[in-house]
PDB file of all heavy atoms in Angstrom:
ATOM      1  N   LEU A   1      17.706 -14.561  12.647  1.00  0.00           N
ATOM      2  CA  LEU A   1      18.144 -13.207  12.980  1.00  0.00           C
ATOM      3  C   LEU A   1      17.885 -12.208  11.858  1.00  0.00           C
ATOM      4  O   LEU A   1      18.208 -11.041  11.983  1.00  0.00           O
ATOM      5  CB  LEU A   1      19.638 -13.218  13.318  1.00  0.00           C
ATOM      6  CG  LEU A   1      20.036 -14.014  14.569  1.00  0.00           C
ATOM      7  CD1 LEU A   1      21.550 -14.024  14.723  1.00  0.00           C
ATOM      8  CD2 LEU A   1      19.375 -13.435  15.816  1.00  0.00           C
ATOM      9  N   MET A   2      17.316 -12.689  10.734  1.00  0.00           N
ATOM     10  CA  MET A   2      17.028 -11.792   9.615  1.00  0.00           C
ATOM     11  C   MET A   2      15.958 -10.785  10.013  1.00  0.00           C
ATOM     12  O   MET A   2      14.964 -11.128  10.670  1.00  0.00           O
ATOM     13  CB  MET A   2      16.559 -12.588   8.396  1.00  0.00           C
ATOM     14  CG  MET A   2      17.634 -13.473   7.798  1.00  0.00           C
ATOM     15  SD  MET A   2      17.046 -14.409   6.376  1.00  0.00           S
ATOM     16  CE  MET A   2      16.752 -13.098   5.207  1.00  0.00           C
ATOM     17  N   LYS A   3      16.153  -9.535   9.659  1.00  0.00           N
ATOM     18  CA  LYS A   3      15.242  -8.459  10.048  1.00  0.00           C
ATOM     19  C   LYS A   3      14.460  -7.944   8.849  1.00  0.00           C
ATOM     20  O   LYS A   3      15.017  -7.712   7.771  1.00  0.00           O
ATOM     21  CB  LYS A   3      16.030  -7.303  10.681  1.00  0.00           C
ATOM     22  CG  LYS A   3      16.678  -7.667  12.010  1.00  0.00           C
ATOM     23  CD  LYS A   3      17.395  -6.462  12.602  1.00  0.00           C
ATOM     24  CE  LYS A   3      18.047  -6.814  13.941  1.00  0.00           C
ATOM     25  NZ  LYS A   3      18.745  -5.648  14.532  1.00  0.00           N
ATOM     26  N   PHE A   4      13.154  -7.771   9.084  1.00  0.00           N
ATOM     27  CA  PHE A   4      12.253  -7.245   8.070  1.00  0.00           C
ATOM     28  C   PHE A   4      12.675  -5.834   7.674  1.00  0.00           C
ATOM     29  O   PHE A   4      12.982  -5.000   8.521  1.00  0.00           O
ATOM     30  CB  PHE A   4      10.829  -7.248   8.630  1.00  0.00           C
ATOM     31  CG  PHE A   4       9.792  -6.639   7.727  1.00  0.00           C
ATOM     32  CD1 PHE A   4       9.602  -7.098   6.429  1.00  0.00           C
ATOM     33  CD2 PHE A   4       8.979  -5.615   8.189  1.00  0.00           C
ATOM     34  CE1 PHE A   4       8.637  -6.551   5.613  1.00  0.00           C
ATOM     35  CE2 PHE A   4       7.996  -5.055   7.377  1.00  0.00           C
ATOM     36  CZ  PHE A   4       7.836  -5.526   6.077  1.00  0.00           C
ATOM     37  N   ASN A   5      12.726  -5.590   6.359  1.00  0.00           N
ATOM     38  CA  ASN A   5      13.127  -4.309   5.776  1.00  0.00           C
ATOM     39  C   ASN A   5      14.592  -3.970   6.035  1.00  0.00           C
ATOM     40  O   ASN A   5      15.005  -2.816   5.893  1.00  0.00           O
ATOM     41  CB  ASN A   5      12.236  -3.161   6.265  1.00  0.00           C
ATOM     42  CG  ASN A   5      10.909  -3.123   5.529  1.00  0.00           C
ATOM     43  OD1 ASN A   5      10.772  -3.715   4.458  1.00  0.00           O
ATOM     44  ND2 ASN A   5       9.938  -2.430   6.100  1.00  0.00           N
ATOM     45  N   HIS A   6      15.359  -4.990   6.433  1.00  0.00           N
ATOM     46  CA  HIS A   6      16.811  -4.827   6.547  1.00  0.00           C
ATOM     47  C   HIS A   6      17.505  -5.932   5.763  1.00  0.00           C
ATOM     48  O   HIS A   6      18.319  -5.663   4.879  1.00  0.00           O
ATOM     49  CB  HIS A   6      17.255  -4.835   8.007  1.00  0.00           C
ATOM     50  CG  HIS A   6      18.728  -4.614   8.175  1.00  0.00           C
ATOM     51  ND1 HIS A   6      19.637  -5.649   8.208  1.00  0.00           N
ATOM     52  CD2 HIS A   6      19.453  -3.469   8.305  1.00  0.00           C
ATOM     53  CE1 HIS A   6      20.851  -5.167   8.339  1.00  0.00           C
ATOM     54  NE2 HIS A   6      20.778  -3.843   8.410  1.00  0.00           N
ATOM     55  N   ASP A   7      17.150  -7.177   6.095  1.00  0.00           N
ATOM     56  CA  ASP A   7      17.710  -8.328   5.391  1.00  0.00           C
ATOM     57  C   ASP A   7      16.782  -8.850   4.291  1.00  0.00           C
ATOM     58  O   ASP A   7      17.232  -9.550   3.393  1.00  0.00           O
ATOM     59  CB  ASP A   7      17.990  -9.456   6.377  1.00  0.00           C
ATOM     60  CG  ASP A   7      18.974  -9.033   7.458  1.00  0.00           C
ATOM     61  OD1 ASP A   7      20.094  -8.643   7.102  1.00  0.00           O
ATOM     62  OD2 ASP A   7      18.609  -9.077   8.650  1.00  0.00           O
ATOM     63  N   PHE A   8      15.514  -8.563   4.395  1.00  0.00           N
ATOM     64  CA  PHE A   8      14.562  -8.963   3.348  1.00  0.00           C
ATOM     65  C   PHE A   8      13.450  -7.927   3.263  1.00  0.00           C
ATOM     66  O   PHE A   8      13.182  -7.197   4.221  1.00  0.00           O
ATOM     67  CB  PHE A   8      13.999 -10.361   3.615  1.00  0.00           C
ATOM     68  CG  PHE A   8      13.032 -10.428   4.772  1.00  0.00           C
ATOM     69  CD1 PHE A   8      11.664 -10.352   4.566  1.00  0.00           C
ATOM     70  CD2 PHE A   8      13.502 -10.579   6.074  1.00  0.00           C
ATOM     71  CE1 PHE A   8      10.781 -10.415   5.620  1.00  0.00           C
ATOM     72  CE2 PHE A   8      12.619 -10.643   7.140  1.00  0.00           C
ATOM     73  CZ  PHE A   8      11.257 -10.567   6.922  1.00  0.00           C
ATOM     74  N   TYR A   9      12.817  -7.877   2.089  1.00  0.00           N
ATOM     75  CA  TYR A   9      11.781  -6.884   1.817  1.00  0.00           C
ATOM     76  C   TYR A   9      10.575  -7.588   1.187  1.00  0.00           C
ATOM     77  O   TYR A   9      10.696  -8.687   0.650  1.00  0.00           O
ATOM     78  CB  TYR A   9      12.312  -5.797   0.876  1.00  0.00           C
ATOM     79  CG  TYR A   9      13.581  -5.161   1.381  1.00  0.00           C
ATOM     80  CD1 TYR A   9      14.831  -5.721   1.095  1.00  0.00           C
ATOM     81  CD2 TYR A   9      13.535  -4.007   2.157  1.00  0.00           C
ATOM     82  CE1 TYR A   9      15.996  -5.153   1.570  1.00  0.00           C
ATOM     83  CE2 TYR A   9      14.698  -3.428   2.634  1.00  0.00           C
ATOM     84  CZ  TYR A   9      15.921  -4.014   2.349  1.00  0.00           C
ATOM     85  OH  TYR A   9      17.070  -3.453   2.836  1.00  0.00           O
ATOM     86  N   VAL A  10       9.432  -6.949   1.252  1.00  0.00           N
ATOM     87  CA  VAL A  10       8.205  -7.574   0.747  1.00  0.00           C
ATOM     88  C   VAL A  10       7.526  -6.658  -0.260  1.00  0.00           C
ATOM     89  O   VAL A  10       7.305  -5.476   0.010  1.00  0.00           O
ATOM     90  CB  VAL A  10       7.218  -7.889   1.894  1.00  0.00           C
ATOM     91  CG1 VAL A  10       5.903  -8.439   1.343  1.00  0.00           C
ATOM     92  CG2 VAL A  10       7.837  -8.877   2.875  1.00  0.00           C
ATOM     93  N   GLY A  11       7.217  -7.239  -1.417  1.00  0.00           N
ATOM     94  CA  GLY A  11       6.402  -6.547  -2.403  1.00  0.00           C
ATOM     95  C   GLY A  11       5.069  -7.264  -2.525  1.00  0.00           C
ATOM     96  O   GLY A  11       4.992  -8.479  -2.330  1.00  0.00           O
ATOM     97  N   TYR A  12       4.018  -6.517  -2.837  1.00  0.00           N
ATOM     98  CA  TYR A  12       2.698  -7.145  -2.877  1.00  0.00           C
ATOM     99  C   TYR A  12       1.815  -6.512  -3.944  1.00  0.00           C
ATOM    100  O   TYR A  12       1.745  -5.285  -4.075  1.00  0.00           O
ATOM    101  CB  TYR A  12       2.020  -6.994  -1.506  1.00  0.00           C
ATOM    102  CG  TYR A  12       0.608  -7.528  -1.466  1.00  0.00           C
ATOM    103  CD1 TYR A  12       0.338  -8.877  -1.679  1.00  0.00           C
ATOM    104  CD2 TYR A  12      -0.468  -6.675  -1.228  1.00  0.00           C
ATOM    105  CE1 TYR A  12      -0.958  -9.366  -1.652  1.00  0.00           C
ATOM    106  CE2 TYR A  12      -1.772  -7.148  -1.190  1.00  0.00           C
ATOM    107  CZ  TYR A  12      -2.010  -8.501  -1.407  1.00  0.00           C
ATOM    108  OH  TYR A  12      -3.288  -8.986  -1.377  1.00  0.00           O
ATOM    109  N   SER A  13       1.134  -7.383  -4.705  1.00  0.00           N
ATOM    110  CA  SER A  13       0.131  -6.951  -5.673  1.00  0.00           C
ATOM    111  C   SER A  13      -1.032  -7.926  -5.589  1.00  0.00           C
ATOM    112  O   SER A  13      -0.881  -9.097  -5.911  1.00  0.00           O
ATOM    113  CB  SER A  13       0.704  -6.954  -7.097  1.00  0.00           C
ATOM    114  OG  SER A  13      -0.283  -6.595  -8.037  1.00  0.00           O
ATOM    115  N   PRO A  14      -2.189  -7.479  -5.106  1.00  0.00           N
ATOM    116  CA  PRO A  14      -3.316  -8.393  -4.920  1.00  0.00           C
ATOM    117  C   PRO A  14      -3.822  -8.976  -6.238  1.00  0.00           C
ATOM    118  O   PRO A  14      -3.782  -8.308  -7.280  1.00  0.00           O
ATOM    119  CB  PRO A  14      -4.383  -7.529  -4.256  1.00  0.00           C
ATOM    120  CG  PRO A  14      -4.002  -6.125  -4.575  1.00  0.00           C
ATOM    121  CD  PRO A  14      -2.516  -6.106  -4.682  1.00  0.00           C
ATOM    122  N   GLU A  15      -4.288 -10.200  -6.161  1.00  0.00           N
ATOM    123  CA  GLU A  15      -4.818 -10.913  -7.325  1.00  0.00           C
ATOM    124  C   GLU A  15      -6.078 -10.220  -7.825  1.00  0.00           C
ATOM    125  O   GLU A  15      -6.928  -9.820  -7.048  1.00  0.00           O
ATOM    126  CB  GLU A  15      -5.102 -12.367  -6.916  1.00  0.00           C
ATOM    127  CG  GLU A  15      -5.727 -13.214  -8.005  1.00  0.00           C
ATOM    128  CD  GLU A  15      -7.243 -13.221  -7.919  1.00  0.00           C
ATOM    129  OE1 GLU A  15      -7.791 -13.021  -6.825  1.00  0.00           O
ATOM    130  OE2 GLU A  15      -7.866 -13.403  -8.982  1.00  0.00           O
ATOM    131  N   ARG A  16      -6.199 -10.111  -9.144  1.00  0.00           N
ATOM    132  CA  ARG A  16      -7.371  -9.446  -9.729  1.00  0.00           C
ATOM    133  C   ARG A  16      -7.968 -10.219 -10.892  1.00  0.00           C
ATOM    134  O   ARG A  16      -8.896  -9.745 -11.530  1.00  0.00           O
ATOM    135  CB  ARG A  16      -6.982  -8.048 -10.226  1.00  0.00           C
ATOM    136  CG  ARG A  16      -7.285  -6.947  -9.213  1.00  0.00           C
ATOM    137  CD  ARG A  16      -7.030  -5.582  -9.794  1.00  0.00           C
ATOM    138  NE  ARG A  16      -7.618  -4.542  -8.967  1.00  0.00           N
ATOM    139  CZ  ARG A  16      -7.480  -3.248  -9.186  1.00  0.00           C
ATOM    140  NH1 ARG A  16      -6.761  -2.827 -10.216  1.00  0.00           N
ATOM    141  NH2 ARG A  16      -8.044  -2.371  -8.386  1.00  0.00           N
ATOM    142  N   VAL A  17      -7.454 -11.406 -11.177  1.00  0.00           N
ATOM    143  CA  VAL A  17      -7.970 -12.183 -12.301  1.00  0.00           C
ATOM    144  C   VAL A  17      -9.374 -12.670 -11.975  1.00  0.00           C
ATOM    145  O   VAL A  17      -9.654 -13.099 -10.857  1.00  0.00           O
ATOM    146  CB  VAL A  17      -7.041 -13.376 -12.611  1.00  0.00           C
ATOM    147  CG1 VAL A  17      -7.675 -14.303 -13.633  1.00  0.00           C
ATOM    148  CG2 VAL A  17      -5.703 -12.875 -13.127  1.00  0.00           C
ATOM    149  N   ASN A  18     -10.253 -12.605 -12.953  1.00  0.00           N
ATOM    150  CA  ASN A  18     -11.645 -13.033 -12.790  1.00  0.00           C
ATOM    151  C   ASN A  18     -11.821 -14.379 -13.479  1.00  0.00           C
ATOM    152  O   ASN A  18     -11.872 -14.439 -14.712  1.00  0.00           O
ATOM    153  CB  ASN A  18     -12.577 -11.982 -13.397  1.00  0.00           C
ATOM    154  CG  ASN A  18     -14.031 -12.260 -13.095  1.00  0.00           C
ATOM    155  OD1 ASN A  18     -14.349 -13.154 -12.319  1.00  0.00           O
ATOM    156  ND2 ASN A  18     -14.910 -11.509 -13.720  1.00  0.00           N
ATOM    157  N   PRO A  19     -11.927 -15.490 -12.736  1.00  0.00           N
ATOM    158  CA  PRO A  19     -12.049 -16.816 -13.351  1.00  0.00           C
ATOM    159  C   PRO A  19     -13.235 -16.898 -14.307  1.00  0.00           C
ATOM    160  O   PRO A  19     -14.330 -16.420 -13.993  1.00  0.00           O
ATOM    161  CB  PRO A  19     -12.257 -17.747 -12.145  1.00  0.00           C
ATOM    162  CG  PRO A  19     -11.684 -17.014 -10.991  1.00  0.00           C
ATOM    163  CD  PRO A  19     -11.930 -15.567 -11.268  1.00  0.00           C
ATOM    164  N   GLY A  20     -12.987 -17.469 -15.473  1.00  0.00           N
ATOM    165  CA  GLY A  20     -14.053 -17.616 -16.455  1.00  0.00           C
ATOM    166  C   GLY A  20     -14.266 -16.399 -17.335  1.00  0.00           C
ATOM    167  O   GLY A  20     -15.093 -16.427 -18.247  1.00  0.00           O
ATOM    168  N   ASN A  21     -13.518 -15.320 -17.094  1.00  0.00           N
ATOM    169  CA  ASN A  21     -13.667 -14.089 -17.869  1.00  0.00           C
ATOM    170  C   ASN A  21     -12.463 -13.931 -18.784  1.00  0.00           C
ATOM    171  O   ASN A  21     -11.401 -13.466 -18.367  1.00  0.00           O
ATOM    172  CB  ASN A  21     -13.782 -12.888 -16.915  1.00  0.00           C
ATOM    173  CG  ASN A  21     -14.136 -11.604 -17.648  1.00  0.00           C
ATOM    174  OD1 ASN A  21     -13.832 -11.435 -18.816  1.00  0.00           O
ATOM    175  ND2 ASN A  21     -14.796 -10.691 -16.944  1.00  0.00           N
ATOM    176  N   SER A  22     -12.621 -14.328 -20.037  1.00  0.00           N
ATOM    177  CA  SER A  22     -11.501 -14.292 -20.981  1.00  0.00           C
ATOM    178  C   SER A  22     -11.172 -12.880 -21.439  1.00  0.00           C
ATOM    179  O   SER A  22     -10.073 -12.612 -21.926  1.00  0.00           O
ATOM    180  CB  SER A  22     -11.819 -15.166 -22.204  1.00  0.00           C
ATOM    181  OG  SER A  22     -13.010 -14.723 -22.830  1.00  0.00           O
ATOM    182  N   ALA A  23     -12.109 -11.946 -21.280  1.00  0.00           N
ATOM    183  CA  ALA A  23     -11.882 -10.568 -21.725  1.00  0.00           C
ATOM    184  C   ALA A  23     -10.932  -9.822 -20.798  1.00  0.00           C
ATOM    185  O   ALA A  23     -10.295  -8.854 -21.203  1.00  0.00           O
ATOM    186  CB  ALA A  23     -13.206  -9.826 -21.817  1.00  0.00           C
ATOM    187  N   HIS A  24     -10.838 -10.268 -19.546  1.00  0.00           N
ATOM    188  CA  HIS A  24      -9.982  -9.588 -18.583  1.00  0.00           C
ATOM    189  C   HIS A  24      -8.927 -10.565 -18.069  1.00  0.00           C
ATOM    190  O   HIS A  24      -9.053 -11.147 -16.997  1.00  0.00           O
ATOM    191  CB  HIS A  24     -10.802  -9.019 -17.419  1.00  0.00           C
ATOM    192  CG  HIS A  24     -11.759  -7.949 -17.825  1.00  0.00           C
ATOM    193  ND1 HIS A  24     -13.058  -8.201 -18.186  1.00  0.00           N
ATOM    194  CD2 HIS A  24     -11.584  -6.607 -17.941  1.00  0.00           C
ATOM    195  CE1 HIS A  24     -13.650  -7.070 -18.509  1.00  0.00           C
ATOM    196  NE2 HIS A  24     -12.788  -6.091 -18.367  1.00  0.00           N
ATOM    197  N   SER A  25      -7.886 -10.748 -18.881  1.00  0.00           N
ATOM    198  CA  SER A  25      -6.770 -11.611 -18.502  1.00  0.00           C
ATOM    199  C   SER A  25      -5.717 -10.776 -17.780  1.00  0.00           C
ATOM    200  O   SER A  25      -5.806  -9.549 -17.731  1.00  0.00           O
ATOM    201  CB  SER A  25      -6.172 -12.287 -19.734  1.00  0.00           C
ATOM    202  OG  SER A  25      -5.811 -11.316 -20.695  1.00  0.00           O
ATOM    203  N   ILE A  26      -4.721 -11.428 -17.228  1.00  0.00           N
ATOM    204  CA  ILE A  26      -3.782 -10.740 -16.338  1.00  0.00           C
ATOM    205  C   ILE A  26      -3.059  -9.584 -17.015  1.00  0.00           C
ATOM    206  O   ILE A  26      -2.781  -8.555 -16.392  1.00  0.00           O
ATOM    207  CB  ILE A  26      -2.768 -11.735 -15.735  1.00  0.00           C
ATOM    208  CG1 ILE A  26      -1.940 -11.047 -14.639  1.00  0.00           C
ATOM    209  CG2 ILE A  26      -1.895 -12.354 -16.814  1.00  0.00           C
ATOM    210  CD1 ILE A  26      -1.109 -11.999 -13.816  1.00  0.00           C
ATOM    211  N   GLU A  27      -2.778  -9.714 -18.325  1.00  0.00           N
ATOM    212  CA  GLU A  27      -1.992  -8.663 -18.976  1.00  0.00           C
ATOM    213  C   GLU A  27      -2.794  -7.386 -19.230  1.00  0.00           C
ATOM    214  O   GLU A  27      -2.210  -6.315 -19.400  1.00  0.00           O
ATOM    215  CB  GLU A  27      -1.378  -9.177 -20.290  1.00  0.00           C
ATOM    216  CG  GLU A  27      -2.365  -9.520 -21.380  1.00  0.00           C
ATOM    217  CD  GLU A  27      -2.852 -10.954 -21.293  1.00  0.00           C
ATOM    218  OE1 GLU A  27      -2.540 -11.621 -20.278  1.00  0.00           O
ATOM    219  OE2 GLU A  27      -3.539 -11.402 -22.231  1.00  0.00           O
ATOM    220  N   ASN A  28      -4.117  -7.481 -19.270  1.00  0.00           N
ATOM    221  CA  ASN A  28      -4.895  -6.260 -19.528  1.00  0.00           C
ATOM    222  C   ASN A  28      -5.746  -5.831 -18.340  1.00  0.00           C
ATOM    223  O   ASN A  28      -6.774  -5.177 -18.502  1.00  0.00           O
ATOM    224  CB  ASN A  28      -5.755  -6.406 -20.792  1.00  0.00           C
ATOM    225  CG  ASN A  28      -6.691  -7.601 -20.729  1.00  0.00           C
ATOM    226  OD1 ASN A  28      -7.075  -8.031 -19.641  1.00  0.00           O
ATOM    227  ND2 ASN A  28      -7.054  -8.119 -21.889  1.00  0.00           N
ATOM    228  N   ILE A  29      -5.315  -6.217 -17.135  1.00  0.00           N
ATOM    229  CA  ILE A  29      -5.946  -5.740 -15.907  1.00  0.00           C
ATOM    230  C   ILE A  29      -4.961  -4.815 -15.191  1.00  0.00           C
ATOM    231  O   ILE A  29      -3.808  -5.176 -14.982  1.00  0.00           O
ATOM    232  CB  ILE A  29      -6.295  -6.911 -14.970  1.00  0.00           C
ATOM    233  CG1 ILE A  29      -7.328  -7.836 -15.619  1.00  0.00           C
ATOM    234  CG2 ILE A  29      -6.827  -6.390 -13.638  1.00  0.00           C
ATOM    235  CD1 ILE A  29      -7.638  -9.066 -14.798  1.00  0.00           C
ATOM    236  N   CYS A  30      -5.411  -3.639 -14.841  1.00  0.00           N
ATOM    237  CA  CYS A  30      -4.568  -2.732 -14.063  1.00  0.00           C
ATOM    238  C   CYS A  30      -4.271  -3.365 -12.708  1.00  0.00           C
ATOM    239  O   CYS A  30      -5.184  -3.797 -12.001  1.00  0.00           O
ATOM    240  CB  CYS A  30      -5.278  -1.395 -13.874  1.00  0.00           C
ATOM    241  SG  CYS A  30      -4.339  -0.204 -12.894  1.00  0.00           S
ATOM    242  N   LYS A  31      -2.993  -3.438 -12.346  1.00  0.00           N
ATOM    243  CA  LYS A  31      -2.600  -4.095 -11.100  1.00  0.00           C
ATOM    244  C   LYS A  31      -2.214  -3.071 -10.040  1.00  0.00           C
ATOM    245  O   LYS A  31      -1.475  -2.125 -10.294  1.00  0.00           O
ATOM    246  CB  LYS A  31      -1.400  -5.014 -11.347  1.00  0.00           C
ATOM    247  CG  LYS A  31      -1.729  -6.249 -12.149  1.00  0.00           C
ATOM    248  CD  LYS A  31      -2.407  -7.303 -11.282  1.00  0.00           C
ATOM    249  CE  LYS A  31      -1.392  -8.014 -10.407  1.00  0.00           C
ATOM    250  NZ  LYS A  31      -2.038  -9.014  -9.533  1.00  0.00           N
ATOM    251  N   ILE A  32      -2.738  -3.266  -8.833  1.00  0.00           N
ATOM    252  CA  ILE A  32      -2.313  -2.465  -7.689  1.00  0.00           C
ATOM    253  C   ILE A  32      -0.959  -2.990  -7.219  1.00  0.00           C
ATOM    254  O   ILE A  32      -0.771  -4.204  -7.092  1.00  0.00           O
ATOM    255  CB  ILE A  32      -3.337  -2.565  -6.547  1.00  0.00           C
ATOM    256  CG1 ILE A  32      -4.677  -1.964  -6.980  1.00  0.00           C
ATOM    257  CG2 ILE A  32      -2.832  -1.871  -5.285  1.00  0.00           C
ATOM    258  CD1 ILE A  32      -5.796  -2.197  -5.995  1.00  0.00           C
ATOM    259  N   THR A  33      -0.030  -2.099  -6.982  1.00  0.00           N
ATOM    260  CA  THR A  33       1.304  -2.523  -6.537  1.00  0.00           C
ATOM    261  C   THR A  33       1.683  -1.812  -5.244  1.00  0.00           C
ATOM    262  O   THR A  33       1.255  -0.688  -4.975  1.00  0.00           O
ATOM    263  CB  THR A  33       2.383  -2.226  -7.599  1.00  0.00           C
ATOM    264  OG1 THR A  33       2.440  -0.813  -7.839  1.00  0.00           O
ATOM    265  CG2 THR A  33       2.086  -2.951  -8.902  1.00  0.00           C
ATOM    266  N   SER A  34       2.496  -2.501  -4.442  1.00  0.00           N
ATOM    267  CA  SER A  34       2.926  -1.922  -3.165  1.00  0.00           C
ATOM    268  C   SER A  34       4.190  -2.628  -2.698  1.00  0.00           C
ATOM    269  O   SER A  34       4.587  -3.668  -3.238  1.00  0.00           O
ATOM    270  CB  SER A  34       1.827  -2.087  -2.108  1.00  0.00           C
ATOM    271  OG  SER A  34       1.579  -3.461  -1.852  1.00  0.00           O
ATOM    272  N   GLY A  35       4.815  -2.063  -1.665  1.00  0.00           N
ATOM    273  CA  GLY A  35       6.018  -2.675  -1.109  1.00  0.00           C
ATOM    274  C   GLY A  35       6.243  -2.222   0.317  1.00  0.00           C
ATOM    275  O   GLY A  35       5.672  -1.216   0.767  1.00  0.00           O
ATOM    276  N   SER A  36       7.071  -2.965   1.013  1.00  0.00           N
ATOM    277  CA  SER A  36       7.321  -2.657   2.427  1.00  0.00           C
ATOM    278  C   SER A  36       8.231  -1.451   2.615  1.00  0.00           C
ATOM    279  O   SER A  36       8.316  -0.899   3.714  1.00  0.00           O
ATOM    280  CB  SER A  36       7.911  -3.884   3.129  1.00  0.00           C
ATOM    281  OG  SER A  36       9.114  -4.298   2.495  1.00  0.00           O
ATOM    282  N   THR A  37       8.916  -1.048   1.542  1.00  0.00           N
ATOM    283  CA  THR A  37       9.701   0.194   1.551  1.00  0.00           C
ATOM    284  C   THR A  37       9.459   0.905   0.222  1.00  0.00           C
ATOM    285  O   THR A  37       9.029   0.267  -0.754  1.00  0.00           O
ATOM    286  CB  THR A  37      11.212  -0.081   1.698  1.00  0.00           C
ATOM    287  OG1 THR A  37      11.671  -0.775   0.516  1.00  0.00           O
ATOM    288  CG2 THR A  37      11.499  -0.911   2.946  1.00  0.00           C
ATOM    289  N   PRO A  38       9.723   2.189   0.143  1.00  0.00           N
ATOM    290  CA  PRO A  38       9.542   2.898  -1.131  1.00  0.00           C
ATOM    291  C   PRO A  38      10.334   2.269  -2.277  1.00  0.00           C
ATOM    292  O   PRO A  38       9.825   2.165  -3.394  1.00  0.00           O
ATOM    293  CB  PRO A  38      10.029   4.316  -0.809  1.00  0.00           C
ATOM    294  CG  PRO A  38       9.766   4.475   0.660  1.00  0.00           C
ATOM    295  CD  PRO A  38      10.052   3.134   1.251  1.00  0.00           C
ATOM    296  N   ALA A  39      11.573   1.832  -1.992  1.00  0.00           N
ATOM    297  CA  ALA A  39      12.395   1.224  -3.043  1.00  0.00           C
ATOM    298  C   ALA A  39      11.789  -0.096  -3.514  1.00  0.00           C
ATOM    299  O   ALA A  39      11.777  -0.394  -4.713  1.00  0.00           O
ATOM    300  CB  ALA A  39      13.815   1.009  -2.530  1.00  0.00           C
TER     301      ALA A  39
END
């Protein structure tokens, strides 16, 4: 009976790590962020 955006919410950031590329690790890659509600 749990309702989306009422009882639970979803946040999403697509993966951007490039395997084998040590110059672009997760901490120095700009990440796209999003969520199912503004909050």
